[in-house]
Amino acid sequence: SLGPIDSQGNPIGGNFLVYGNMGVVLPS
């Protein structure tokens, strides 16, 4: 769902992707 879409609202993707994830596991 992220990035460029066509005139119908469908994702068309792109040639450049940037993303990052960070997570911390907490003690239970």
mmCIF file of all heavy atoms, coordinates in Angstrom:
data_MODEL
# 
_entry.id   MODEL 
# 
loop_
_atom_site.group_PDB 
_atom_site.id 
_atom_site.type_symbol 
_atom_site.label_atom_id 
_atom_site.label_alt_id 
_atom_site.label_comp_id 
_atom_site.label_asym_id 
_atom_site.label_entity_id 
_atom_site.label_seq_id 
_atom_site.pdbx_PDB_ins_code 
_atom_site.Cartn_x 
_atom_site.Cartn_y 
_atom_site.Cartn_z 
_atom_site.occupancy 
_atom_site.B_iso_or_equiv 
_atom_site.pdbx_formal_charge 
_atom_site.auth_seq_id 
_atom_site.auth_comp_id 
_atom_site.auth_asym_id 
_atom_site.auth_atom_id 
_atom_site.pdbx_PDB_model_num 
ATOM 1   N N   . SER A 1 1  ? 0.799  -1.226  0.000   1.00 0.00 ? 1  SER A N   1 
ATOM 2   C CA  . SER A 1 1  ? 0.000  0.000   0.000   1.00 0.00 ? 1  SER A CA  1 
ATOM 3   C C   . SER A 1 1  ? 0.833  1.278   0.000   1.00 0.00 ? 1  SER A C   1 
ATOM 4   O O   . SER A 1 1  ? 0.291  2.352   -0.237  1.00 0.00 ? 1  SER A O   1 
ATOM 5   C CB  . SER A 1 1  ? -0.936 0.017   1.210   1.00 0.00 ? 1  SER A CB  1 
ATOM 6   O OG  . SER A 1 1  ? -0.190 0.078   2.408   1.00 0.00 ? 1  SER A OG  1 
ATOM 7   N N   . LEU A 1 2  ? 2.130  1.190   0.247   1.00 0.00 ? 2  LEU A N   1 
ATOM 8   C CA  . LEU A 1 2  ? 2.973  2.388   0.258   1.00 0.00 ? 2  LEU A CA  1 
ATOM 9   C C   . LEU A 1 2  ? 3.593  2.613   -1.113  1.00 0.00 ? 2  LEU A C   1 
ATOM 10  O O   . LEU A 1 2  ? 3.955  1.670   -1.804  1.00 0.00 ? 2  LEU A O   1 
ATOM 11  C CB  . LEU A 1 2  ? 4.091  2.240   1.299   1.00 0.00 ? 2  LEU A CB  1 
ATOM 12  C CG  . LEU A 1 2  ? 3.625  2.097   2.737   1.00 0.00 ? 2  LEU A CG  1 
ATOM 13  C CD1 . LEU A 1 2  ? 4.807  1.810   3.639   1.00 0.00 ? 2  LEU A CD1 1 
ATOM 14  C CD2 . LEU A 1 2  ? 2.893  3.323   3.187   1.00 0.00 ? 2  LEU A CD2 1 
ATOM 15  N N   . GLY A 1 3  ? 3.713  3.851   -1.511  1.00 0.00 ? 3  GLY A N   1 
ATOM 16  C CA  . GLY A 1 3  ? 4.369  4.177   -2.766  1.00 0.00 ? 3  GLY A CA  1 
ATOM 17  C C   . GLY A 1 3  ? 3.404  4.597   -3.852  1.00 0.00 ? 3  GLY A C   1 
ATOM 18  O O   . GLY A 1 3  ? 2.224  4.853   -3.603  1.00 0.00 ? 3  GLY A O   1 
ATOM 19  N N   . PRO A 1 4  ? 3.918  4.660   -5.093  1.00 0.00 ? 4  PRO A N   1 
ATOM 20  C CA  . PRO A 1 4  ? 3.125  5.150   -6.216  1.00 0.00 ? 4  PRO A CA  1 
ATOM 21  C C   . PRO A 1 4  ? 1.910  4.272   -6.512  1.00 0.00 ? 4  PRO A C   1 
ATOM 22  O O   . PRO A 1 4  ? 1.951  3.052   -6.351  1.00 0.00 ? 4  PRO A O   1 
ATOM 23  C CB  . PRO A 1 4  ? 4.103  5.099   -7.393  1.00 0.00 ? 4  PRO A CB  1 
ATOM 24  C CG  . PRO A 1 4  ? 5.454  5.013   -6.800  1.00 0.00 ? 4  PRO A CG  1 
ATOM 25  C CD  . PRO A 1 4  ? 5.293  4.356   -5.477  1.00 0.00 ? 4  PRO A CD  1 
ATOM 26  N N   . ILE A 1 5  ? 0.833  4.921   -6.960  1.00 0.00 ? 5  ILE A N   1 
ATOM 27  C CA  . ILE A 1 5  ? -0.386 4.211   -7.364  1.00 0.00 ? 5  ILE A CA  1 
ATOM 28  C C   . ILE A 1 5  ? -0.810 4.702   -8.747  1.00 0.00 ? 5  ILE A C   1 
ATOM 29  O O   . ILE A 1 5  ? -0.437 5.786   -9.179  1.00 0.00 ? 5  ILE A O   1 
ATOM 30  C CB  . ILE A 1 5  ? -1.528 4.413   -6.354  1.00 0.00 ? 5  ILE A CB  1 
ATOM 31  C CG1 . ILE A 1 5  ? -1.835 5.903   -6.166  1.00 0.00 ? 5  ILE A CG1 1 
ATOM 32  C CG2 . ILE A 1 5  ? -1.221 3.757   -5.027  1.00 0.00 ? 5  ILE A CG2 1 
ATOM 33  C CD1 . ILE A 1 5  ? -3.058 6.171   -5.312  1.00 0.00 ? 5  ILE A CD1 1 
ATOM 34  N N   . ASP A 1 6  ? -1.600 3.891   -9.447  1.00 0.00 ? 6  ASP A N   1 
ATOM 35  C CA  . ASP A 1 6  ? -2.108 4.299   -10.752 1.00 0.00 ? 6  ASP A CA  1 
ATOM 36  C C   . ASP A 1 6  ? -3.412 5.075   -10.588 1.00 0.00 ? 6  ASP A C   1 
ATOM 37  O O   . ASP A 1 6  ? -3.860 5.332   -9.475  1.00 0.00 ? 6  ASP A O   1 
ATOM 38  C CB  . ASP A 1 6  ? -2.273 3.101   -11.686 1.00 0.00 ? 6  ASP A CB  1 
ATOM 39  C CG  . ASP A 1 6  ? -3.312 2.094   -11.209 1.00 0.00 ? 6  ASP A CG  1 
ATOM 40  O OD1 . ASP A 1 6  ? -4.078 2.396   -10.274 1.00 0.00 ? 6  ASP A OD1 1 
ATOM 41  O OD2 . ASP A 1 6  ? -3.360 0.994   -11.796 1.00 0.00 ? 6  ASP A OD2 1 
ATOM 42  N N   . SER A 1 7  ? -4.048 5.435   -11.688 1.00 0.00 ? 7  SER A N   1 
ATOM 43  C CA  . SER A 1 7  ? -5.272 6.242   -11.638 1.00 0.00 ? 7  SER A CA  1 
ATOM 44  C C   . SER A 1 7  ? -6.444 5.492   -11.014 1.00 0.00 ? 7  SER A C   1 
ATOM 45  O O   . SER A 1 7  ? -7.420 6.102   -10.594 1.00 0.00 ? 7  SER A O   1 
ATOM 46  C CB  . SER A 1 7  ? -5.652 6.715   -13.045 1.00 0.00 ? 7  SER A CB  1 
ATOM 47  O OG  . SER A 1 7  ? -5.902 5.589   -13.879 1.00 0.00 ? 7  SER A OG  1 
ATOM 48  N N   . GLN A 1 8  ? -6.352 4.174   -10.930 1.00 0.00 ? 8  GLN A N   1 
ATOM 49  C CA  . GLN A 1 8  ? -7.391 3.348   -10.319 1.00 0.00 ? 8  GLN A CA  1 
ATOM 50  C C   . GLN A 1 8  ? -7.163 3.136   -8.820  1.00 0.00 ? 8  GLN A C   1 
ATOM 51  O O   . GLN A 1 8  ? -7.966 2.506   -8.156  1.00 0.00 ? 8  GLN A O   1 
ATOM 52  C CB  . GLN A 1 8  ? -7.455 1.983   -11.014 1.00 0.00 ? 8  GLN A CB  1 
ATOM 53  C CG  . GLN A 1 8  ? -7.629 2.048   -12.507 1.00 0.00 ? 8  GLN A CG  1 
ATOM 54  C CD  . GLN A 1 8  ? -9.024 2.499   -12.876 1.00 0.00 ? 8  GLN A CD  1 
ATOM 55  O OE1 . GLN A 1 8  ? -9.988 2.039   -12.282 1.00 0.00 ? 8  GLN A OE1 1 
ATOM 56  N NE2 . GLN A 1 8  ? -9.121 3.390   -13.835 1.00 0.00 ? 8  GLN A NE2 1 
ATOM 57  N N   . GLY A 1 9  ? -6.025 3.627   -8.316  1.00 0.00 ? 9  GLY A N   1 
ATOM 58  C CA  . GLY A 1 9  ? -5.684 3.449   -6.903  1.00 0.00 ? 9  GLY A CA  1 
ATOM 59  C C   . GLY A 1 9  ? -4.934 2.164   -6.607  1.00 0.00 ? 9  GLY A C   1 
ATOM 60  O O   . GLY A 1 9  ? -4.756 1.788   -5.457  1.00 0.00 ? 9  GLY A O   1 
ATOM 61  N N   . ASN A 1 10 ? -4.468 1.469   -7.643  1.00 0.00 ? 10 ASN A N   1 
ATOM 62  C CA  . ASN A 1 10 ? -3.720 0.224   -7.471  1.00 0.00 ? 10 ASN A CA  1 
ATOM 63  C C   . ASN A 1 10 ? -2.225 0.528   -7.350  1.00 0.00 ? 10 ASN A C   1 
ATOM 64  O O   . ASN A 1 10 ? -1.706 1.384   -8.059  1.00 0.00 ? 10 ASN A O   1 
ATOM 65  C CB  . ASN A 1 10 ? -3.939 -0.695  -8.670  1.00 0.00 ? 10 ASN A CB  1 
ATOM 66  C CG  . ASN A 1 10 ? -5.384 -1.074  -8.838  1.00 0.00 ? 10 ASN A CG  1 
ATOM 67  O OD1 . ASN A 1 10 ? -6.061 -1.408  -7.881  1.00 0.00 ? 10 ASN A OD1 1 
ATOM 68  N ND2 . ASN A 1 10 ? -5.868 -1.000  -10.070 1.00 0.00 ? 10 ASN A ND2 1 
ATOM 69  N N   . PRO A 1 11 ? -1.525 -0.194  -6.467  1.00 0.00 ? 11 PRO A N   1 
ATOM 70  C CA  . PRO A 1 11 ? -0.082 0.042   -6.330  1.00 0.00 ? 11 PRO A CA  1 
ATOM 71  C C   . PRO A 1 11 ? 0.660  -0.380  -7.592  1.00 0.00 ? 11 PRO A C   1 
ATOM 72  O O   . PRO A 1 11 ? 0.385  -1.441  -8.151  1.00 0.00 ? 11 PRO A O   1 
ATOM 73  C CB  . PRO A 1 11 ? 0.311  -0.818  -5.137  1.00 0.00 ? 11 PRO A CB  1 
ATOM 74  C CG  . PRO A 1 11 ? -0.739 -1.861  -5.033  1.00 0.00 ? 11 PRO A CG  1 
ATOM 75  C CD  . PRO A 1 11 ? -2.003 -1.251  -5.580  1.00 0.00 ? 11 PRO A CD  1 
ATOM 76  N N   . ILE A 1 12 ? 1.595  0.466   -8.043  1.00 0.00 ? 12 ILE A N   1 
ATOM 77  C CA  . ILE A 1 12 ? 2.405  0.123   -9.216  1.00 0.00 ? 12 ILE A CA  1 
ATOM 78  C C   . ILE A 1 12 ? 3.864  -0.085  -8.848  1.00 0.00 ? 12 ILE A C   1 
ATOM 79  O O   . ILE A 1 12 ? 4.661  -0.488  -9.679  1.00 0.00 ? 12 ILE A O   1 
ATOM 80  C CB  . ILE A 1 12 ? 2.286  1.196   -10.319 1.00 0.00 ? 12 ILE A CB  1 
ATOM 81  C CG1 . ILE A 1 12 ? 2.710  2.572   -9.811  1.00 0.00 ? 12 ILE A CG1 1 
ATOM 82  C CG2 . ILE A 1 12 ? 0.888  1.235   -10.882 1.00 0.00 ? 12 ILE A CG2 1 
ATOM 83  C CD1 . ILE A 1 12 ? 2.790  3.629   -10.894 1.00 0.00 ? 12 ILE A CD1 1 
ATOM 84  N N   . GLY A 1 13 ? 4.212  0.192   -7.588  1.00 0.00 ? 13 GLY A N   1 
ATOM 85  C CA  . GLY A 1 13 ? 5.586  0.012   -7.143  1.00 0.00 ? 13 GLY A CA  1 
ATOM 86  C C   . GLY A 1 13 ? 6.496  1.099   -7.665  1.00 0.00 ? 13 GLY A C   1 
ATOM 87  O O   . GLY A 1 13 ? 6.062  2.028   -8.339  1.00 0.00 ? 13 GLY A O   1 
ATOM 88  N N   . GLY A 1 14 ? 7.758  0.977   -7.328  1.00 0.00 ? 14 GLY A N   1 
ATOM 89  C CA  . GLY A 1 14 ? 8.745  1.969   -7.754  1.00 0.00 ? 14 GLY A CA  1 
ATOM 90  C C   . GLY A 1 14 ? 10.120 1.361   -7.837  1.00 0.00 ? 14 GLY A C   1 
ATOM 91  O O   . GLY A 1 14 ? 10.316 0.201   -7.489  1.00 0.00 ? 14 GLY A O   1 
ATOM 92  N N   . ASN A 1 15 ? 11.077 2.166   -8.269  1.00 0.00 ? 15 ASN A N   1 
ATOM 93  C CA  . ASN A 1 15 ? 12.436 1.657   -8.446  1.00 0.00 ? 15 ASN A CA  1 
ATOM 94  C C   . ASN A 1 15 ? 13.372 2.013   -7.291  1.00 0.00 ? 15 ASN A C   1 
ATOM 95  O O   . ASN A 1 15 ? 14.552 1.725   -7.346  1.00 0.00 ? 15 ASN A O   1 
ATOM 96  C CB  . ASN A 1 15 ? 13.022 2.145   -9.771  1.00 0.00 ? 15 ASN A CB  1 
ATOM 97  C CG  . ASN A 1 15 ? 13.101 3.657   -9.861  1.00 0.00 ? 15 ASN A CG  1 
ATOM 98  O OD1 . ASN A 1 15 ? 12.721 4.370   -8.934  1.00 0.00 ? 15 ASN A OD1 1 
ATOM 99  N ND2 . ASN A 1 15 ? 13.579 4.144   -10.979 1.00 0.00 ? 15 ASN A ND2 1 
ATOM 100 N N   . PHE A 1 16 ? 12.850 2.632   -6.242  1.00 0.00 ? 16 PHE A N   1 
ATOM 101 C CA  . PHE A 1 16 ? 13.673 3.007   -5.088  1.00 0.00 ? 16 PHE A CA  1 
ATOM 102 C C   . PHE A 1 16 ? 12.886 2.720   -3.811  1.00 0.00 ? 16 PHE A C   1 
ATOM 103 O O   . PHE A 1 16 ? 11.775 3.214   -3.636  1.00 0.00 ? 16 PHE A O   1 
ATOM 104 C CB  . PHE A 1 16 ? 14.038 4.489   -5.162  1.00 0.00 ? 16 PHE A CB  1 
ATOM 105 C CG  . PHE A 1 16 ? 14.963 4.936   -4.070  1.00 0.00 ? 16 PHE A CG  1 
ATOM 106 C CD1 . PHE A 1 16 ? 16.295 4.567   -4.075  1.00 0.00 ? 16 PHE A CD1 1 
ATOM 107 C CD2 . PHE A 1 16 ? 14.500 5.719   -3.039  1.00 0.00 ? 16 PHE A CD2 1 
ATOM 108 C CE1 . PHE A 1 16 ? 17.154 4.973   -3.058  1.00 0.00 ? 16 PHE A CE1 1 
ATOM 109 C CE2 . PHE A 1 16 ? 15.342 6.133   -2.023  1.00 0.00 ? 16 PHE A CE2 1 
ATOM 110 C CZ  . PHE A 1 16 ? 16.679 5.760   -2.036  1.00 0.00 ? 16 PHE A CZ  1 
ATOM 111 N N   . LEU A 1 17 ? 13.447 1.887   -2.952  1.00 0.00 ? 17 LEU A N   1 
ATOM 112 C CA  . LEU A 1 17 ? 12.803 1.489   -1.699  1.00 0.00 ? 17 LEU A CA  1 
ATOM 113 C C   . LEU A 1 17 ? 13.680 1.905   -0.532  1.00 0.00 ? 17 LEU A C   1 
ATOM 114 O O   . LEU A 1 17 ? 14.888 1.663   -0.539  1.00 0.00 ? 17 LEU A O   1 
ATOM 115 C CB  . LEU A 1 17 ? 12.610 -0.026  -1.657  1.00 0.00 ? 17 LEU A CB  1 
ATOM 116 C CG  . LEU A 1 17 ? 12.225 -0.667  -0.328  1.00 0.00 ? 17 LEU A CG  1 
ATOM 117 C CD1 . LEU A 1 17 ? 10.828 -0.236  0.094   1.00 0.00 ? 17 LEU A CD1 1 
ATOM 118 C CD2 . LEU A 1 17 ? 12.316 -2.179  -0.417  1.00 0.00 ? 17 LEU A CD2 1 
ATOM 119 N N   . VAL A 1 18 ? 13.077 2.537   0.465   1.00 0.00 ? 18 VAL A N   1 
ATOM 120 C CA  . VAL A 1 18 ? 13.778 2.847   1.702   1.00 0.00 ? 18 VAL A CA  1 
ATOM 121 C C   . VAL A 1 18 ? 12.874 2.418   2.863   1.00 0.00 ? 18 VAL A C   1 
ATOM 122 O O   . VAL A 1 18 ? 11.682 2.724   2.870   1.00 0.00 ? 18 VAL A O   1 
ATOM 123 C CB  . VAL A 1 18 ? 14.166 4.344   1.805   1.00 0.00 ? 18 VAL A CB  1 
ATOM 124 C CG1 . VAL A 1 18 ? 12.960 5.243   1.758   1.00 0.00 ? 18 VAL A CG1 1 
ATOM 125 C CG2 . VAL A 1 18 ? 14.967 4.613   3.056   1.00 0.00 ? 18 VAL A CG2 1 
ATOM 126 N N   . TYR A 1 19 ? 13.430 1.622   3.762   1.00 0.00 ? 19 TYR A N   1 
ATOM 127 C CA  . TYR A 1 19 ? 12.659 1.211   4.932   1.00 0.00 ? 19 TYR A CA  1 
ATOM 128 C C   . TYR A 1 19 ? 13.609 0.815   6.057   1.00 0.00 ? 19 TYR A C   1 
ATOM 129 O O   . TYR A 1 19 ? 14.779 0.509   5.831   1.00 0.00 ? 19 TYR A O   1 
ATOM 130 C CB  . TYR A 1 19 ? 11.687 0.077   4.605   1.00 0.00 ? 19 TYR A CB  1 
ATOM 131 C CG  . TYR A 1 19 ? 12.316 -1.300  4.493   1.00 0.00 ? 19 TYR A CG  1 
ATOM 132 C CD1 . TYR A 1 19 ? 12.262 -2.192  5.549   1.00 0.00 ? 19 TYR A CD1 1 
ATOM 133 C CD2 . TYR A 1 19 ? 12.947 -1.702  3.336   1.00 0.00 ? 19 TYR A CD2 1 
ATOM 134 C CE1 . TYR A 1 19 ? 12.818 -3.446  5.449   1.00 0.00 ? 19 TYR A CE1 1 
ATOM 135 C CE2 . TYR A 1 19 ? 13.506 -2.945  3.217   1.00 0.00 ? 19 TYR A CE2 1 
ATOM 136 C CZ  . TYR A 1 19 ? 13.436 -3.819  4.276   1.00 0.00 ? 19 TYR A CZ  1 
ATOM 137 O OH  . TYR A 1 19 ? 13.999 -5.062  4.173   1.00 0.00 ? 19 TYR A OH  1 
ATOM 138 N N   . GLY A 1 20 ? 13.083 0.852   7.253   1.00 0.00 ? 20 GLY A N   1 
ATOM 139 C CA  . GLY A 1 20 ? 13.864 0.464   8.417   1.00 0.00 ? 20 GLY A CA  1 
ATOM 140 C C   . GLY A 1 20 ? 12.955 -0.070  9.505   1.00 0.00 ? 20 GLY A C   1 
ATOM 141 O O   . GLY A 1 20 ? 11.792 0.321   9.609   1.00 0.00 ? 20 GLY A O   1 
ATOM 142 N N   . ASN A 1 21 ? 13.482 -0.988  10.272  1.00 0.00 ? 21 ASN A N   1 
ATOM 143 C CA  . ASN A 1 21 ? 12.754 -1.597  11.375  1.00 0.00 ? 21 ASN A CA  1 
ATOM 144 C C   . ASN A 1 21 ? 13.646 -1.604  12.602  1.00 0.00 ? 21 ASN A C   1 
ATOM 145 O O   . ASN A 1 21 ? 14.851 -1.821  12.493  1.00 0.00 ? 21 ASN A O   1 
ATOM 146 C CB  . ASN A 1 21 ? 12.383 -3.047  11.057  1.00 0.00 ? 21 ASN A CB  1 
ATOM 147 C CG  . ASN A 1 21 ? 11.713 -3.213  9.735   1.00 0.00 ? 21 ASN A CG  1 
ATOM 148 O OD1 . ASN A 1 21 ? 12.396 -3.303  8.729   1.00 0.00 ? 21 ASN A OD1 1 
ATOM 149 N ND2 . ASN A 1 21 ? 10.420 -3.267  9.713   1.00 0.00 ? 21 ASN A ND2 1 
ATOM 150 N N   . MET A 1 22 ? 13.049 -1.360  13.751  1.00 0.00 ? 22 MET A N   1 
ATOM 151 C CA  . MET A 1 22 ? 13.782 -1.445  15.006  1.00 0.00 ? 22 MET A CA  1 
ATOM 152 C C   . MET A 1 22 ? 12.841 -2.039  16.041  1.00 0.00 ? 22 MET A C   1 
ATOM 153 O O   . MET A 1 22 ? 11.678 -1.641  16.143  1.00 0.00 ? 22 MET A O   1 
ATOM 154 C CB  . MET A 1 22 ? 14.243 -0.062  15.459  1.00 0.00 ? 22 MET A CB  1 
ATOM 155 C CG  . MET A 1 22 ? 15.060 -0.104  16.737  1.00 0.00 ? 22 MET A CG  1 
ATOM 156 S SD  . MET A 1 22 ? 15.722 1.510   17.214  1.00 0.00 ? 22 MET A SD  1 
ATOM 157 C CE  . MET A 1 22 ? 14.233 2.380   17.648  1.00 0.00 ? 22 MET A CE  1 
ATOM 158 N N   . GLY A 1 23 ? 13.325 -3.009  16.793  1.00 0.00 ? 23 GLY A N   1 
ATOM 159 C CA  . GLY A 1 23 ? 12.507 -3.634  17.823  1.00 0.00 ? 23 GLY A CA  1 
ATOM 160 C C   . GLY A 1 23 ? 13.333 -3.951  19.049  1.00 0.00 ? 23 GLY A C   1 
ATOM 161 O O   . GLY A 1 23 ? 14.527 -4.229  18.958  1.00 0.00 ? 23 GLY A O   1 
ATOM 162 N N   . VAL A 1 24 ? 12.681 -3.885  20.190  1.00 0.00 ? 24 VAL A N   1 
ATOM 163 C CA  . VAL A 1 24 ? 13.319 -4.209  21.462  1.00 0.00 ? 24 VAL A CA  1 
ATOM 164 C C   . VAL A 1 24 ? 12.449 -5.239  22.169  1.00 0.00 ? 24 VAL A C   1 
ATOM 165 O O   . VAL A 1 24 ? 11.246 -5.028  22.367  1.00 0.00 ? 24 VAL A O   1 
ATOM 166 C CB  . VAL A 1 24 ? 13.455 -2.949  22.354  1.00 0.00 ? 24 VAL A CB  1 
ATOM 167 C CG1 . VAL A 1 24 ? 14.053 -3.309  23.693  1.00 0.00 ? 24 VAL A CG1 1 
ATOM 168 C CG2 . VAL A 1 24 ? 14.276 -1.894  21.663  1.00 0.00 ? 24 VAL A CG2 1 
ATOM 169 N N   . VAL A 1 25 ? 13.050 -6.380  22.524  1.00 0.00 ? 25 VAL A N   1 
ATOM 170 C CA  . VAL A 1 25 ? 12.331 -7.415  23.264  1.00 0.00 ? 25 VAL A CA  1 
ATOM 171 C C   . VAL A 1 25 ? 12.467 -7.105  24.741  1.00 0.00 ? 25 VAL A C   1 
ATOM 172 O O   . VAL A 1 25 ? 13.583 -6.996  25.268  1.00 0.00 ? 25 VAL A O   1 
ATOM 173 C CB  . VAL A 1 25 ? 12.885 -8.820  22.947  1.00 0.00 ? 25 VAL A CB  1 
ATOM 174 C CG1 . VAL A 1 25 ? 12.148 -9.870  23.749  1.00 0.00 ? 25 VAL A CG1 1 
ATOM 175 C CG2 . VAL A 1 25 ? 12.786 -9.109  21.457  1.00 0.00 ? 25 VAL A CG2 1 
ATOM 176 N N   . LEU A 1 26 ? 11.336 -6.952  25.406  1.00 0.00 ? 26 LEU A N   1 
ATOM 177 C CA  . LEU A 1 26 ? 11.313 -6.597  26.821  1.00 0.00 ? 26 LEU A CA  1 
ATOM 178 C C   . LEU A 1 26 ? 11.168 -7.852  27.679  1.00 0.00 ? 26 LEU A C   1 
ATOM 179 O O   . LEU A 1 26 ? 10.515 -8.810  27.272  1.00 0.00 ? 26 LEU A O   1 
ATOM 180 C CB  . LEU A 1 26 ? 10.151 -5.643  27.092  1.00 0.00 ? 26 LEU A CB  1 
ATOM 181 C CG  . LEU A 1 26 ? 10.149 -4.369  26.241  1.00 0.00 ? 26 LEU A CG  1 
ATOM 182 C CD1 . LEU A 1 26 ? 8.850  -3.617  26.432  1.00 0.00 ? 26 LEU A CD1 1 
ATOM 183 C CD2 . LEU A 1 26 ? 11.337 -3.502  26.590  1.00 0.00 ? 26 LEU A CD2 1 
ATOM 184 N N   . PRO A 1 27 ? 11.759 -7.847  28.867  1.00 0.00 ? 27 PRO A N   1 
ATOM 185 C CA  . PRO A 1 27 ? 11.617 -9.011  29.743  1.00 0.00 ? 27 PRO A CA  1 
ATOM 186 C C   . PRO A 1 27 ? 10.173 -9.128  30.246  1.00 0.00 ? 27 PRO A C   1 
ATOM 187 O O   . PRO A 1 27 ? 9.481  -8.133  30.447  1.00 0.00 ? 27 PRO A O   1 
ATOM 188 C CB  . PRO A 1 27 ? 12.570 -8.722  30.903  1.00 0.00 ? 27 PRO A CB  1 
ATOM 189 C CG  . PRO A 1 27 ? 12.776 -7.254  30.877  1.00 0.00 ? 27 PRO A CG  1 
ATOM 190 C CD  . PRO A 1 27 ? 12.594 -6.807  29.463  1.00 0.00 ? 27 PRO A CD  1 
ATOM 191 N N   . SER A 1 28 ? 9.738  -10.366 30.400  1.00 0.00 ? 28 SER A N   1 
ATOM 192 C CA  . SER A 1 28 ? 8.384  -10.615 30.888  1.00 0.00 ? 28 SER A CA  1 
ATOM 193 C C   . SER A 1 28 ? 8.436  -10.990 32.362  1.00 0.00 ? 28 SER A C   1 
ATOM 194 O O   . SER A 1 28 ? 9.184  -11.875 32.763  1.00 0.00 ? 28 SER A O   1 
ATOM 195 C CB  . SER A 1 28 ? 7.738  -11.750 30.098  1.00 0.00 ? 28 SER A CB  1 
ATOM 196 O OG  . SER A 1 28 ? 6.466  -12.028 30.620  1.00 0.00 ? 28 SER A OG  1 
# 
